[in-house]
Amino acid sequence: MTAGTKKVVTWLVIAFVAFYLVTRPDSAADAVRGAGSLISDGFQALITFFSTVFA
């Protein structure tokens, strides 16, 4: 991709996210909570794995 194309795509993504946040704040909050939960579960799985390996 050229620099100009990346810039346009970046601005389109930012515009979509802003539109989504304004039109559906509850859904956006649920999406953020879901992503946070996914990250938390992943770290918990890593902690469990390494605790088992090094125990």
N, C-alpha and C. Protein backbone atom coordinates (compact mmCIF):
# COMPACT_ATOMS: atom_id res chain seq x y z
N MET A 1 0.84 -1.18 0.00
CA MET A 1 0.00 0.00 0.00
C MET A 1 0.89 1.24 0.00
N THR A 2 0.42 2.23 -0.68
CA THR A 2 1.16 3.49 -0.69
C THR A 2 0.82 4.28 0.58
N ALA A 3 1.62 5.29 0.85
CA ALA A 3 1.40 6.11 2.04
C ALA A 3 0.04 6.80 1.99
N GLY A 4 -0.35 7.25 0.81
CA GLY A 4 -1.65 7.91 0.66
C GLY A 4 -2.81 6.97 0.93
N THR A 5 -2.69 5.75 0.46
CA THR A 5 -3.74 4.76 0.69
C THR A 5 -3.85 4.43 2.17
N LYS A 6 -2.72 4.26 2.83
CA LYS A 6 -2.74 3.98 4.27
C LYS A 6 -3.40 5.11 5.04
N LYS A 7 -3.11 6.33 4.63
CA LYS A 7 -3.69 7.48 5.30
C LYS A 7 -5.21 7.50 5.13
N VAL A 8 -5.68 7.23 3.93
CA VAL A 8 -7.12 7.22 3.67
C VAL A 8 -7.80 6.10 4.46
N VAL A 9 -7.22 4.91 4.47
CA VAL A 9 -7.79 3.79 5.21
C VAL A 9 -7.82 4.10 6.70
N THR A 10 -6.75 4.69 7.21
CA THR A 10 -6.69 5.04 8.63
C THR A 10 -7.81 6.01 8.99
N TRP A 11 -8.01 7.04 8.16
CA TRP A 11 -9.06 8.02 8.43
C TRP A 11 -10.45 7.40 8.31
N LEU A 12 -10.63 6.47 7.39
CA LEU A 12 -11.92 5.78 7.27
C LEU A 12 -12.22 4.94 8.51
N VAL A 13 -11.21 4.26 9.02
CA VAL A 13 -11.40 3.45 10.23
C VAL A 13 -11.72 4.36 11.42
N ILE A 14 -11.00 5.47 11.55
CA ILE A 14 -11.27 6.41 12.64
C ILE A 14 -12.69 6.96 12.53
N ALA A 15 -13.11 7.30 11.32
CA ALA A 15 -14.46 7.82 11.12
C ALA A 15 -15.51 6.77 11.47
N PHE A 16 -15.28 5.52 11.10
CA PHE A 16 -16.22 4.45 11.43
C PHE A 16 -16.33 4.25 12.93
N VAL A 17 -15.18 4.23 13.61
CA VAL A 17 -15.19 4.04 15.07
C VAL A 17 -15.92 5.20 15.75
N ALA A 18 -15.66 6.43 15.31
CA ALA A 18 -16.35 7.59 15.88
C ALA A 18 -17.86 7.49 15.64
N PHE A 19 -18.25 7.12 14.44
CA PHE A 19 -19.68 6.96 14.12
C PHE A 19 -20.31 5.88 15.00
N TYR A 20 -19.62 4.77 15.17
CA TYR A 20 -20.12 3.67 15.99
C TYR A 20 -20.27 4.10 17.44
N LEU A 21 -19.28 4.84 17.96
CA LEU A 21 -19.35 5.30 19.34
C LEU A 21 -20.51 6.27 19.57
N VAL A 22 -20.77 7.11 18.59
CA VAL A 22 -21.83 8.11 18.73
C VAL A 22 -23.21 7.47 18.58
N THR A 23 -23.35 6.57 17.62
CA THR A 23 -24.68 6.02 17.34
C THR A 23 -25.05 4.84 18.25
N ARG A 24 -24.08 4.11 18.73
CA ARG A 24 -24.36 2.94 19.59
C ARG A 24 -23.37 2.85 20.75
N PRO A 25 -23.45 3.76 21.71
CA PRO A 25 -22.49 3.75 22.81
C PRO A 25 -22.57 2.50 23.68
N ASP A 26 -23.78 1.96 23.86
CA ASP A 26 -23.90 0.74 24.68
C ASP A 26 -23.21 -0.44 24.01
N SER A 27 -23.40 -0.58 22.71
CA SER A 27 -22.74 -1.67 21.98
C SER A 27 -21.23 -1.49 21.97
N ALA A 28 -20.78 -0.25 21.84
CA ALA A 28 -19.35 0.02 21.85
C ALA A 28 -18.75 -0.34 23.21
N ALA A 29 -19.46 -0.01 24.29
CA ALA A 29 -18.99 -0.35 25.62
C ALA A 29 -18.93 -1.86 25.81
N ASP A 30 -19.93 -2.57 25.29
CA ASP A 30 -19.93 -4.03 25.37
C ASP A 30 -18.75 -4.61 24.60
N ALA A 31 -18.43 -4.04 23.45
CA ALA A 31 -17.30 -4.52 22.66
C ALA A 31 -15.99 -4.32 23.41
N VAL A 32 -15.84 -3.17 24.06
CA VAL A 32 -14.62 -2.91 24.83
C VAL A 32 -14.54 -3.87 26.02
N ARG A 33 -15.66 -4.08 26.70
CA ARG A 33 -15.67 -5.04 27.81
C ARG A 33 -15.31 -6.44 27.34
N GLY A 34 -15.83 -6.83 26.20
CA GLY A 34 -15.53 -8.15 25.65
C GLY A 34 -14.06 -8.29 25.30
N ALA A 35 -13.48 -7.26 24.71
CA ALA A 35 -12.05 -7.29 24.37
C ALA A 35 -11.21 -7.36 25.64
N GLY A 36 -11.58 -6.59 26.65
CA GLY A 36 -10.86 -6.62 27.93
C GLY A 36 -10.95 -7.98 28.58
N SER A 37 -12.11 -8.59 28.51
CA SER A 37 -12.29 -9.92 29.08
C SER A 37 -11.44 -10.95 28.34
N LEU A 38 -11.39 -10.83 27.03
CA LEU A 38 -10.58 -11.74 26.22
C LEU A 38 -9.10 -11.62 26.59
N ILE A 39 -8.62 -10.40 26.73
CA ILE A 39 -7.21 -10.17 27.10
C ILE A 39 -6.95 -10.71 28.51
N SER A 40 -7.86 -10.45 29.42
CA SER A 40 -7.71 -10.94 30.79
C SER A 40 -7.68 -12.46 30.84
N ASP A 41 -8.57 -13.10 30.10
CA ASP A 41 -8.59 -14.57 30.06
C ASP A 41 -7.29 -15.12 29.47
N GLY A 42 -6.77 -14.45 28.46
CA GLY A 42 -5.52 -14.89 27.84
C GLY A 42 -4.35 -14.81 28.82
N PHE A 43 -4.25 -13.70 29.55
CA PHE A 43 -3.17 -13.58 30.53
C PHE A 43 -3.33 -14.59 31.66
N GLN A 44 -4.57 -14.82 32.07
CA GLN A 44 -4.81 -15.82 33.12
C GLN A 44 -4.39 -17.21 32.65
N ALA A 45 -4.64 -17.53 31.40
CA ALA A 45 -4.22 -18.82 30.86
C ALA A 45 -2.70 -18.92 30.82
N LEU A 46 -2.03 -17.84 30.45
CA LEU A 46 -0.56 -17.84 30.45
C LEU A 46 0.00 -18.02 31.85
N ILE A 47 -0.59 -17.35 32.83
CA ILE A 47 -0.14 -17.48 34.21
C ILE A 47 -0.33 -18.91 34.69
N THR A 48 -1.46 -19.49 34.38
CA THR A 48 -1.72 -20.88 34.76
C THR A 48 -0.72 -21.81 34.10
N PHE A 49 -0.44 -21.61 32.83
CA PHE A 49 0.51 -22.45 32.11
C PHE A 49 1.89 -22.39 32.74
N PHE A 50 2.39 -21.16 32.94
CA PHE A 50 3.74 -21.03 33.49
C PHE A 50 3.82 -21.49 34.93
N SER A 51 2.76 -21.32 35.70
CA SER A 51 2.73 -21.82 37.07
C SER A 51 2.82 -23.35 37.08
N THR A 52 2.16 -23.98 36.13
CA THR A 52 2.19 -25.44 36.03
C THR A 52 3.56 -25.92 35.56
N VAL A 53 4.15 -25.23 34.59
CA VAL A 53 5.44 -25.64 34.04
C VAL A 53 6.55 -25.52 35.09
N PHE A 54 6.54 -24.42 35.84
CA PHE A 54 7.63 -24.17 36.77
C PHE A 54 7.33 -24.62 38.20
N ALA A 55 6.24 -25.33 38.41
CA ALA A 55 5.91 -25.81 39.76
C ALA A 55 6.56 -27.15 40.04
